Amino acid sequence: MPHPSRDAGCENFRLTQAWSRREILRIGGLYGLPLLLPDLLRARAQARTGQGTFGRAKSVIVLFLNGGHAQQETWDPKPEAPAEPRGEFGAIATSIPGTIISELLPQSARIMDKLALLRSLNHVHPDHVQASLPAMTGHHHPDADDMRNDPPPKPTDFPPFGAVLDSLRPGKRLPTWVQVGPLMRRNNGTVLHGQLPGFLGPRHSPFVIDQDLLPPYVRIEATALLDELPVMRLSARRNLWEQIEVQRRQLNQAAEAKSFNEYQQRALDLLTSPSTARAFQLASEPAKIRSQYGATQFGQCCLMARRLAEAGVPMINVHYCRTPEGSWDTHSRHFSQMKNSLCPTFDQAFSALVTDLDERGLLEQTLVLATAEFGRTPKVNKNGGRDHWPWVYSVALAGGGVAGGVVHGASDKLAARPSAHPHDPRDLAATVYHLLGVPPDTIIHDQKSQPHALVIGQKIDGLLQ
């Protein structure tokens, strides 16, 4: 399969041993920023040390396990721990000798040579709403001391990866940022923070796919969060190109009826783009490939994410929060949910995604990050559940410059606190931006033209090739 186009909305780059002055200046132009002497010296230093991971990832797929997955039953089992923190399940060997993960992830165990595990991520926010912001942005919530009433997201919130990329490298033929799955909310309806564009404004909102993707009927309703614009509906039971032409005529009629601003016109172009239509044509996937990802909503969302990355979309967020697979917020019936639904669904889809990308030659340029807002308690509550636990949790990464077969950081014998190489979500965000080729001293501006430092953590070298 061909590699994604280098001009599909965002041209990333890779440092080599020798950079010409012309290449340095060209890269500076990609950001719309002047490349000053310190940038030039830093780039040369990176080239001299052979550090070739900067800008390796052309696309990032973030699999967000809404609610928080238990480190004990996924990436950091504790087979020697007392019964309660150990839980009901054991550990299994992986393709990397000496590395174990939960027995509930057998397919992931077989591809451990392609994965990197971070077992020492931690912060201090035990509430979903506030914890989601650093997970999505690398910046802690400014109102962390006053979150008792689950306030809704604010237009002053720090923006997530996708909104930042859309402001730095707006797409022309494809969306820069696609969200696959519903907007994640608390049970009381409060939207989890870190999903909206924050202080960058609504023009940098995601292109949203929130539909049933299961066979045999594939229907995509892709909404660019525009008022008064028709929604694009693509059905597996009708000719795709006929539908595109119908939508194009409808949108052109809408455009004639009113004056669109720059953001609306860009969304209009994206909605009618043949490139967008091809990327969303999930029904064209062979049945064998679709079955590899699993006949689940999350599995098909991961397959859609692969198609979008293959087409050249830079940022894809997949939200694991839909029934019947449910949420990872397992305050009750934790062990049965992990065994019967959550882990099998995730294991099949995640391993299929990584393997599929690798077989298509796309893994080297596609970063896959399976993360969440926090982990789960070492203690099991009276309802047989594990509760919120931000003080240590684990995430998994693959591709895009990440080293395979690596375990970085460690938790203590109870999976309760970091015991080696602790990292804050701001470090994980710094790593993502590094792999995307965004300089660590990048400044972004809010709608009032106020400057904000984008990267406030340190990239995690132990995860990189």
Protein backbone atom coordinates (compact mmCIF):
# COMPACT_ATOMS: atom_id res chain seq x y z
CA MET A 1 0.00 0.00 0.00
CA PRO A 2 1.27 3.52 -0.70
CA HIS A 3 2.31 5.77 2.12
CA PRO A 4 0.04 8.72 3.00
CA SER A 5 0.57 11.75 0.84
CA ARG A 6 3.05 14.28 2.18
CA ASP A 7 0.80 17.15 1.15
CA ALA A 8 -2.42 15.93 2.80
CA GLY A 9 -2.88 18.98 5.01
CA CYS A 10 0.28 18.68 7.08
CA GLU A 11 3.75 17.88 5.86
CA ASN A 12 5.85 16.41 8.62
CA PHE A 13 9.53 15.79 8.35
CA ARG A 14 12.34 13.71 9.73
CA LEU A 15 15.74 14.90 10.87
CA THR A 16 18.64 13.37 9.00
CA GLN A 17 22.35 13.37 9.62
CA ALA A 18 22.89 16.38 7.36
CA TRP A 19 20.53 19.32 6.93
CA SER A 20 20.94 22.01 4.33
CA ARG A 21 20.18 25.64 5.11
CA ARG A 22 17.36 25.48 2.55
CA GLU A 23 15.79 22.49 4.32
CA ILE A 24 15.99 24.22 7.71
CA LEU A 25 14.26 27.31 6.35
CA ARG A 26 11.64 25.21 4.58
CA ILE A 27 10.77 23.46 7.85
CA GLY A 28 10.52 26.75 9.66
CA GLY A 29 8.03 27.88 7.05
CA LEU A 30 5.79 24.90 7.78
CA TYR A 31 5.03 26.31 11.20
CA GLY A 32 4.44 29.83 10.00
CA LEU A 33 7.18 30.86 12.45
CA PRO A 34 10.64 32.32 11.98
CA LEU A 35 13.41 29.82 12.61
CA LEU A 36 15.94 31.72 14.69
CA LEU A 37 19.56 30.90 15.49
CA PRO A 38 18.73 28.82 18.61
CA ASP A 39 16.36 26.68 16.54
CA LEU A 40 19.03 26.17 13.90
CA LEU A 41 21.64 25.22 16.49
CA ARG A 42 19.26 22.83 18.20
CA ALA A 43 18.34 21.17 14.90
CA ARG A 44 22.02 20.75 14.03
CA ALA A 45 22.72 19.29 17.48
CA GLN A 46 19.93 16.76 17.04
CA ALA A 47 21.28 15.77 13.65
CA ARG A 48 24.81 15.34 15.06
CA THR A 49 23.60 13.02 17.82
CA GLY A 50 21.59 10.94 15.38
CA GLN A 51 18.34 11.79 17.13
CA GLY A 52 15.98 10.94 14.30
CA THR A 53 12.64 10.75 16.07
CA PHE A 54 11.74 14.44 15.85
CA GLY A 55 8.90 14.73 13.34
CA ARG A 56 8.78 10.98 12.68
CA ALA A 57 5.00 10.75 13.16
CA LYS A 58 2.89 11.98 10.27
CA SER A 59 -0.29 10.89 12.05
CA VAL A 60 -1.26 10.22 15.66
CA ILE A 61 -4.09 7.91 16.72
CA VAL A 62 -5.13 8.46 20.33
CA LEU A 63 -7.26 5.65 21.75
CA PHE A 64 -8.86 7.17 24.84
CA LEU A 65 -10.20 4.57 27.29
CA ASN A 66 -12.86 6.70 28.88
CA GLY A 67 -13.17 6.18 32.62
CA GLY A 68 -9.65 4.96 33.25
CA HIS A 69 -8.35 1.44 32.70
CA ALA A 70 -6.91 -0.58 35.55
CA GLN A 71 -3.14 -0.86 35.33
CA GLN A 72 -3.34 -4.17 37.25
CA GLU A 73 -5.55 -5.84 34.62
CA THR A 74 -3.79 -4.38 31.57
CA TRP A 75 -0.16 -3.29 31.30
CA ASP A 76 1.19 -3.61 34.86
CA PRO A 77 0.02 -6.82 36.56
CA LYS A 78 1.31 -7.67 40.01
CA PRO A 79 1.33 -11.49 40.25
CA GLU A 80 3.36 -11.42 43.48
CA ALA A 81 1.15 -8.89 45.26
CA PRO A 82 -1.40 -9.69 47.97
CA ALA A 83 -4.78 -10.91 46.73
CA GLU A 84 -6.63 -7.58 46.63
CA PRO A 85 -4.23 -5.48 44.56
CA ARG A 86 -3.33 -8.53 42.48
CA GLY A 87 -6.95 -9.15 41.57
CA GLU A 88 -8.52 -12.21 40.00
CA PHE A 89 -6.30 -12.52 36.95
CA GLY A 90 -2.74 -13.55 36.34
CA ALA A 91 0.05 -12.36 34.08
CA ILE A 92 1.35 -13.83 30.82
CA ALA A 93 4.67 -13.72 29.01
CA THR A 94 5.02 -11.53 25.93
CA SER A 95 7.13 -11.59 22.79
CA ILE A 96 9.82 -9.79 24.80
CA PRO A 97 11.48 -12.17 27.29
CA GLY A 98 11.04 -10.98 30.86
CA THR A 99 8.16 -8.63 30.10
CA ILE A 100 4.71 -9.60 31.32
CA ILE A 101 1.26 -8.07 30.91
CA SER A 102 -2.20 -9.13 32.03
CA GLU A 103 -3.56 -12.45 30.85
CA LEU A 104 -6.58 -10.50 29.59
CA LEU A 105 -4.46 -9.07 26.73
CA PRO A 106 -3.10 -12.17 24.92
CA GLN A 107 -3.07 -10.63 21.43
CA SER A 108 -1.23 -7.56 22.66
CA ALA A 109 1.29 -9.84 24.37
CA ARG A 110 2.19 -11.32 20.99
CA ILE A 111 3.08 -7.88 19.54
CA MET A 112 4.97 -6.56 22.57
CA ASP A 113 8.04 -6.21 20.37
CA LYS A 114 6.19 -3.37 18.63
CA LEU A 115 4.95 -1.68 21.83
CA ALA A 116 6.36 0.64 24.44
CA LEU A 117 4.80 0.69 27.90
CA LEU A 118 4.95 3.64 30.28
CA ARG A 119 4.16 2.30 33.76
CA SER A 120 4.83 5.40 35.85
CA LEU A 121 2.44 8.08 34.61
CA ASN A 122 0.89 10.02 37.49
CA HIS A 123 -0.86 13.21 38.55
CA VAL A 124 -3.08 14.37 41.43
CA HIS A 125 -6.55 14.80 39.85
CA PRO A 126 -8.98 11.99 40.81
CA ASP A 127 -11.97 13.49 39.00
CA HIS A 128 -12.76 12.57 35.37
CA VAL A 129 -13.52 16.13 34.34
CA GLN A 130 -10.31 17.73 35.55
CA ALA A 131 -8.08 14.72 34.81
CA SER A 132 -9.11 14.62 31.16
CA LEU A 133 -7.60 18.03 30.44
CA PRO A 134 -3.94 17.12 31.17
CA ALA A 135 -4.49 13.77 29.44
CA MET A 136 -5.60 15.51 26.25
CA THR A 137 -3.47 18.64 26.37
CA GLY A 138 -0.44 18.21 28.65
CA HIS A 139 -1.65 21.12 30.80
CA HIS A 140 -3.25 20.76 34.20
CA HIS A 141 -6.62 22.27 34.93
CA PRO A 142 -6.42 25.83 36.27
CA ASP A 143 -9.51 25.25 38.45
CA ALA A 144 -8.35 21.97 39.96
CA ASP A 145 -9.19 23.13 43.49
CA ASP A 146 -12.81 23.92 42.65
CA MET A 147 -14.21 21.00 40.67
CA ARG A 148 -16.91 19.83 43.05
CA ASN A 149 -19.76 20.64 40.69
CA ASP A 150 -18.17 19.32 37.48
CA PRO A 151 -18.12 22.66 35.61
CA PRO A 152 -18.42 22.45 31.82
CA PRO A 153 -15.46 23.14 29.55
CA LYS A 154 -14.55 26.80 29.21
CA PRO A 155 -13.51 28.73 26.11
CA THR A 156 -10.33 29.58 28.04
CA ASP A 157 -9.27 25.93 28.48
CA PHE A 158 -5.93 24.88 27.01
CA PRO A 159 -6.51 23.23 23.60
CA PRO A 160 -5.88 19.54 22.86
CA PHE A 161 -3.42 18.11 20.33
CA GLY A 162 -5.84 18.22 17.40
CA ALA A 163 -6.83 21.85 17.83
CA VAL A 164 -3.18 22.88 18.20
CA LEU A 165 -2.20 21.04 15.02
CA ASP A 166 -5.12 22.58 13.18
CA SER A 167 -3.93 26.05 14.18
CA LEU A 168 -0.31 25.33 13.21
CA ARG A 169 -0.92 23.23 10.09
CA PRO A 170 -4.50 23.60 8.81
CA GLY A 171 -5.56 20.90 6.38
CA LYS A 172 -6.56 21.70 2.83
CA ARG A 173 -7.83 18.44 1.32
CA LEU A 174 -8.51 16.54 4.55
CA PRO A 175 -9.43 17.51 8.10
CA THR A 176 -6.49 18.02 10.42
CA TRP A 177 -8.34 16.59 13.41
CA VAL A 178 -10.99 13.86 13.36
CA GLN A 179 -12.85 12.61 16.42
CA VAL A 180 -14.23 9.08 16.05
CA GLY A 181 -16.86 8.34 18.67
CA PRO A 182 -19.21 10.36 20.84
CA LEU A 183 -18.33 13.37 22.93
CA MET A 184 -17.32 11.90 26.29
CA ARG A 185 -19.46 12.97 29.25
CA ARG A 186 -19.99 12.27 32.92
CA ASN A 187 -23.20 10.53 33.92
CA ASN A 188 -24.60 13.95 34.82
CA GLY A 189 -24.02 15.15 31.27
CA THR A 190 -20.91 17.25 31.90
CA VAL A 191 -18.54 17.15 28.94
CA LEU A 192 -15.07 15.94 29.87
CA HIS A 193 -12.53 18.70 29.40
CA GLY A 194 -9.85 18.49 26.74
CA GLN A 195 -12.11 17.52 23.84
CA LEU A 196 -12.94 21.02 22.59
CA PRO A 197 -10.61 23.60 21.01
CA GLY A 198 -10.51 25.81 24.10
CA PHE A 199 -8.88 29.21 23.71
CA LEU A 200 -8.06 28.59 20.05
CA GLY A 201 -11.75 28.96 19.24
CA PRO A 202 -14.42 26.92 17.42
CA ARG A 203 -12.75 27.27 14.03
CA HIS A 204 -10.33 24.58 15.23
CA SER A 205 -13.02 22.11 16.30
CA PRO A 206 -12.73 18.44 15.28
CA PHE A 207 -14.41 16.79 12.34
CA VAL A 208 -16.75 14.39 14.18
CA ILE A 209 -17.81 10.82 13.33
CA ASP A 210 -20.36 9.57 15.84
CA GLN A 211 -22.21 6.76 14.11
CA ASP A 212 -22.82 3.05 14.14
CA LEU A 213 -19.91 1.59 12.15
CA LEU A 214 -20.85 -2.05 12.49
CA PRO A 215 -21.56 -4.15 9.37
CA PRO A 216 -23.59 -4.76 7.34
CA TYR A 217 -24.88 -1.20 7.21
CA VAL A 218 -22.16 1.42 7.37
CA ARG A 219 -23.43 4.92 7.75
CA ILE A 220 -21.11 7.87 8.27
CA GLU A 221 -22.47 11.22 9.34
CA ALA A 222 -19.45 13.48 9.44
CA THR A 223 -20.21 16.81 11.10
CA ALA A 224 -17.75 19.69 11.12
CA LEU A 225 -19.65 21.44 13.94
CA LEU A 226 -21.15 24.02 11.59
CA ASP A 227 -24.50 25.69 12.09
CA GLU A 228 -26.99 25.54 9.23
CA LEU A 229 -24.93 23.20 7.03
CA PRO A 230 -26.37 19.88 5.82
CA VAL A 231 -24.81 16.76 7.31
CA MET A 232 -22.96 14.41 4.97
CA ARG A 233 -24.56 10.96 5.09
CA LEU A 234 -22.82 8.07 3.35
CA SER A 235 -24.56 4.70 3.22
CA ALA A 236 -23.08 1.34 2.23
CA ARG A 237 -26.28 0.55 0.33
CA ARG A 238 -25.98 3.36 -2.22
CA ASN A 239 -23.33 4.43 -4.70
CA LEU A 240 -20.83 6.56 -2.80
CA TRP A 241 -20.03 8.92 -5.63
CA GLU A 242 -23.71 9.57 -6.36
CA GLN A 243 -24.16 10.58 -2.76
CA ILE A 244 -21.12 12.85 -2.84
CA GLU A 245 -22.50 14.62 -5.90
CA VAL A 246 -25.87 15.08 -4.20
CA GLN A 247 -24.16 16.50 -1.11
CA ARG A 248 -21.96 18.75 -3.24
CA ARG A 249 -25.00 20.26 -4.96
CA GLN A 250 -26.78 20.75 -1.64
CA LEU A 251 -23.78 22.43 -0.07
CA ASN A 252 -23.20 24.65 -3.08
CA GLN A 253 -26.84 25.76 -2.88
CA ALA A 254 -26.35 26.51 0.81
CA ALA A 255 -23.21 28.49 -0.01
CA GLU A 256 -25.12 30.60 -2.54
CA ALA A 257 -27.81 31.33 0.01
CA LYS A 258 -25.47 32.88 2.57
CA SER A 259 -22.01 34.33 2.93
CA PHE A 260 -19.66 31.87 4.63
CA ASN A 261 -16.78 32.98 6.80
CA GLU A 262 -13.30 31.51 6.33
CA TYR A 263 -13.89 28.64 8.76
CA GLN A 264 -17.24 27.70 7.24
CA GLN A 265 -15.82 27.78 3.73
CA ARG A 266 -12.94 25.52 4.75
CA ALA A 267 -15.36 23.05 6.33
CA LEU A 268 -17.48 23.18 3.19
CA ASP A 269 -14.44 22.28 1.09
CA LEU A 270 -13.59 19.40 3.42
CA LEU A 271 -17.12 18.03 3.39
CA THR A 272 -17.16 17.87 -0.40
CA SER A 273 -13.58 16.66 -0.86
CA PRO A 274 -13.14 13.34 -2.72
CA SER A 275 -10.20 12.66 -0.40
CA THR A 276 -12.51 12.88 2.61
CA ALA A 277 -15.07 10.63 0.94
CA ARG A 278 -12.49 7.94 0.14
CA ALA A 279 -11.12 7.97 3.69
CA PHE A 280 -14.61 7.46 5.12
CA GLN A 281 -15.53 4.62 2.75
CA LEU A 282 -15.33 1.96 5.45
CA ALA A 283 -17.58 -0.43 3.54
CA SER A 284 -14.82 -0.87 0.94
CA GLU A 285 -12.65 -2.71 3.48
CA PRO A 286 -12.45 -6.49 2.88
CA ALA A 287 -14.52 -8.56 5.28
CA LYS A 288 -11.36 -10.30 6.50
CA ILE A 289 -9.81 -7.00 7.60
CA ARG A 290 -13.01 -5.84 9.28
CA SER A 291 -13.26 -9.11 11.20
CA GLN A 292 -9.66 -8.80 12.40
CA TYR A 293 -10.58 -5.59 14.24
CA GLY A 294 -13.64 -7.25 15.76
CA ALA A 295 -17.39 -6.94 15.27
CA THR A 296 -17.56 -4.20 17.90
CA GLN A 297 -18.06 -0.48 17.70
CA PHE A 298 -14.59 0.20 19.11
CA GLY A 299 -13.00 -2.25 16.70
CA GLN A 300 -14.57 -0.59 13.69
CA CYS A 301 -13.65 2.85 15.04
CA CYS A 302 -10.02 1.69 15.15
CA LEU A 303 -10.31 0.50 11.56
CA MET A 304 -11.69 3.89 10.58
CA ALA A 305 -8.74 5.48 12.37
CA ARG A 306 -6.33 3.40 10.29
CA ARG A 307 -8.06 4.54 7.09
CA LEU A 308 -7.83 8.17 8.17
CA ALA A 309 -4.14 7.86 9.04
CA GLU A 310 -3.52 6.11 5.73
CA ALA A 311 -5.21 9.00 3.94
CA GLY A 312 -2.99 11.51 5.73
CA VAL A 313 -5.13 12.89 8.58
CA PRO A 314 -2.63 14.11 11.21
CA MET A 315 -4.69 13.66 14.41
CA ILE A 316 -7.35 11.04 15.06
CA ASN A 317 -9.03 10.62 18.45
CA VAL A 318 -10.96 7.39 19.07
CA HIS A 319 -13.21 7.44 22.13
CA TYR A 320 -13.89 4.11 23.83
CA CYS A 321 -17.05 5.02 25.70
CA ARG A 322 -19.99 3.53 23.82
CA THR A 323 -22.32 0.71 24.83
CA PRO A 324 -22.43 -2.26 24.71
CA GLU A 325 -18.67 -2.18 25.29
CA GLY A 326 -19.28 0.45 27.95
CA SER A 327 -16.85 2.58 29.92
CA TRP A 328 -13.70 1.75 31.83
CA ASP A 329 -15.08 3.47 34.95
CA THR A 330 -15.52 0.14 36.73
CA HIS A 331 -16.70 1.06 40.24
CA SER A 332 -18.64 -2.22 40.37
CA ARG A 333 -18.38 -5.64 38.71
CA HIS A 334 -14.85 -4.69 37.75
CA PHE A 335 -13.45 -8.16 37.14
CA SER A 336 -16.37 -9.47 35.10
CA GLN A 337 -16.43 -6.34 32.92
CA MET A 338 -12.70 -6.51 32.32
CA LYS A 339 -12.83 -10.21 31.45
CA ASN A 340 -16.03 -10.39 29.40
CA SER A 341 -16.09 -7.10 27.50
CA LEU A 342 -13.54 -4.35 28.01
CA CYS A 343 -10.22 -6.14 27.69
CA PRO A 344 -11.20 -8.56 24.90
CA THR A 345 -12.67 -5.74 22.82
CA PHE A 346 -9.65 -3.51 23.35
CA ASP A 347 -7.11 -6.30 22.92
CA GLN A 348 -8.45 -7.39 19.55
CA ALA A 349 -8.87 -3.88 18.13
CA PHE A 350 -5.59 -2.47 19.45
CA SER A 351 -3.46 -5.40 18.32
CA ALA A 352 -5.19 -5.43 14.93
CA LEU A 353 -4.56 -1.71 14.48
CA VAL A 354 -0.85 -1.94 15.29
CA THR A 355 -0.39 -5.07 13.16
CA ASP A 356 -2.36 -3.65 10.23
CA LEU A 357 -0.36 -0.43 10.25
CA ASP A 358 2.88 -2.40 10.41
CA GLU A 359 1.95 -4.70 7.53
CA ARG A 360 1.03 -1.69 5.38
CA GLY A 361 4.34 0.03 6.09
CA LEU A 362 2.58 2.79 8.01
CA LEU A 363 3.60 2.10 11.60
CA GLU A 364 6.93 3.92 11.36
CA GLN A 365 5.07 7.13 10.55
CA THR A 366 1.94 6.60 12.68
CA LEU A 367 1.99 6.98 16.45
CA VAL A 368 -0.65 4.94 18.32
CA LEU A 369 -1.28 5.95 21.93
CA ALA A 370 -3.67 4.03 24.19
CA THR A 371 -4.30 6.25 27.19
CA ALA A 372 -6.89 7.50 29.68
CA GLU A 373 -7.40 10.11 32.37
CA PHE A 374 -6.07 7.85 35.17
CA GLY A 375 -5.90 4.27 36.47
CA ARG A 376 -7.74 2.30 39.18
CA THR A 377 -7.24 1.74 42.89
CA PRO A 378 -5.15 -1.06 44.36
CA LYS A 379 -8.03 -1.60 46.79
CA VAL A 380 -11.24 -3.30 45.64
CA ASN A 381 -14.36 -1.58 46.97
CA LYS A 382 -17.44 -3.21 48.54
CA ASN A 383 -19.15 -3.42 45.11
CA GLY A 384 -16.33 -5.46 43.62
CA GLY A 385 -14.94 -2.45 41.73
CA ARG A 386 -11.78 -0.42 41.52
CA ASP A 387 -12.12 3.34 41.95
CA HIS A 388 -10.26 6.34 40.49
CA TRP A 389 -6.48 6.32 40.92
CA PRO A 390 -4.31 9.04 39.29
CA TRP A 391 -1.25 8.39 41.46
CA VAL A 392 0.12 5.81 39.05
CA TYR A 393 -1.18 4.30 35.82
CA SER A 394 0.07 2.83 32.57
CA VAL A 395 -0.26 3.67 28.89
CA ALA A 396 0.86 1.88 25.74
CA LEU A 397 2.42 3.36 22.59
CA ALA A 398 3.52 2.05 19.22
CA GLY A 399 5.05 3.43 16.03
CA GLY A 400 5.91 6.93 14.92
CA GLY A 401 9.40 6.91 16.42
CA VAL A 402 8.56 4.97 19.58
CA ALA A 403 10.91 2.10 20.44
CA GLY A 404 9.43 -1.40 20.34
CA GLY A 405 9.72 -3.88 23.19
CA VAL A 406 10.37 -1.19 25.78
CA VAL A 407 9.03 -0.81 29.33
CA HIS A 408 9.81 2.58 30.84
CA GLY A 409 9.12 3.46 34.46
CA ALA A 410 7.73 1.20 37.14
CA SER A 411 5.17 1.15 39.91
CA ASP A 412 5.60 -0.28 43.39
CA LYS A 413 4.56 -3.81 44.35
CA LEU A 414 0.93 -2.72 44.83
CA ALA A 415 0.65 -0.70 41.60
CA ALA A 416 -0.05 2.28 43.83
CA ARG A 417 2.83 4.73 43.30
CA PRO A 418 5.71 5.17 40.87
CA SER A 419 8.90 3.43 41.95
CA ALA A 420 11.08 4.48 39.00
CA HIS A 421 11.05 7.27 36.41
CA PRO A 422 7.79 9.02 37.38
CA HIS A 423 6.22 11.14 34.63
CA ASP A 424 3.45 13.69 34.52
CA PRO A 425 1.03 13.83 31.54
CA ARG A 426 2.84 17.00 30.46
CA ASP A 427 5.88 14.79 29.68
CA LEU A 428 3.75 12.45 27.60
CA ALA A 429 2.37 15.46 25.70
CA ALA A 430 5.90 16.74 25.14
CA THR A 431 6.77 13.34 23.66
CA VAL A 432 3.77 13.42 21.31
CA TYR A 433 4.64 16.91 20.09
CA HIS A 434 8.28 15.89 19.63
CA LEU A 435 7.26 12.95 17.47
CA LEU A 436 4.95 15.23 15.48
CA GLY A 437 7.84 17.59 14.81
CA VAL A 438 6.54 20.51 16.85
CA PRO A 439 9.48 22.37 18.46
CA PRO A 440 9.40 22.37 22.28
CA ASP A 441 9.58 26.17 22.45
CA THR A 442 6.51 26.69 20.24
CA ILE A 443 4.22 29.51 21.37
CA ILE A 444 0.52 29.51 20.49
CA HIS A 445 -1.84 32.46 20.82
CA ASP A 446 -5.39 32.57 22.08
CA GLN A 447 -8.20 34.57 20.49
CA LYS A 448 -7.07 37.64 22.42
CA SER A 449 -3.57 37.25 20.95
CA GLN A 450 -2.13 36.29 24.32
CA PRO A 451 0.90 33.95 24.06
CA HIS A 452 0.99 30.52 25.71
CA ALA A 453 3.85 28.02 25.94
CA LEU A 454 2.72 24.84 24.24
CA VAL A 455 5.15 22.31 25.73
CA ILE A 456 5.77 22.52 29.48
CA GLY A 457 7.07 19.00 30.09
CA GLN A 458 10.10 17.05 28.94
CA LYS A 459 9.95 14.39 26.24
CA ILE A 460 10.44 10.86 27.56
CA ASP A 461 13.63 9.66 25.89
CA GLY A 462 13.22 6.18 27.35
CA LEU A 463 10.27 5.60 25.01
CA LEU A 464 12.01 6.72 21.83
CA GLN A 465 14.05 4.83 19.25
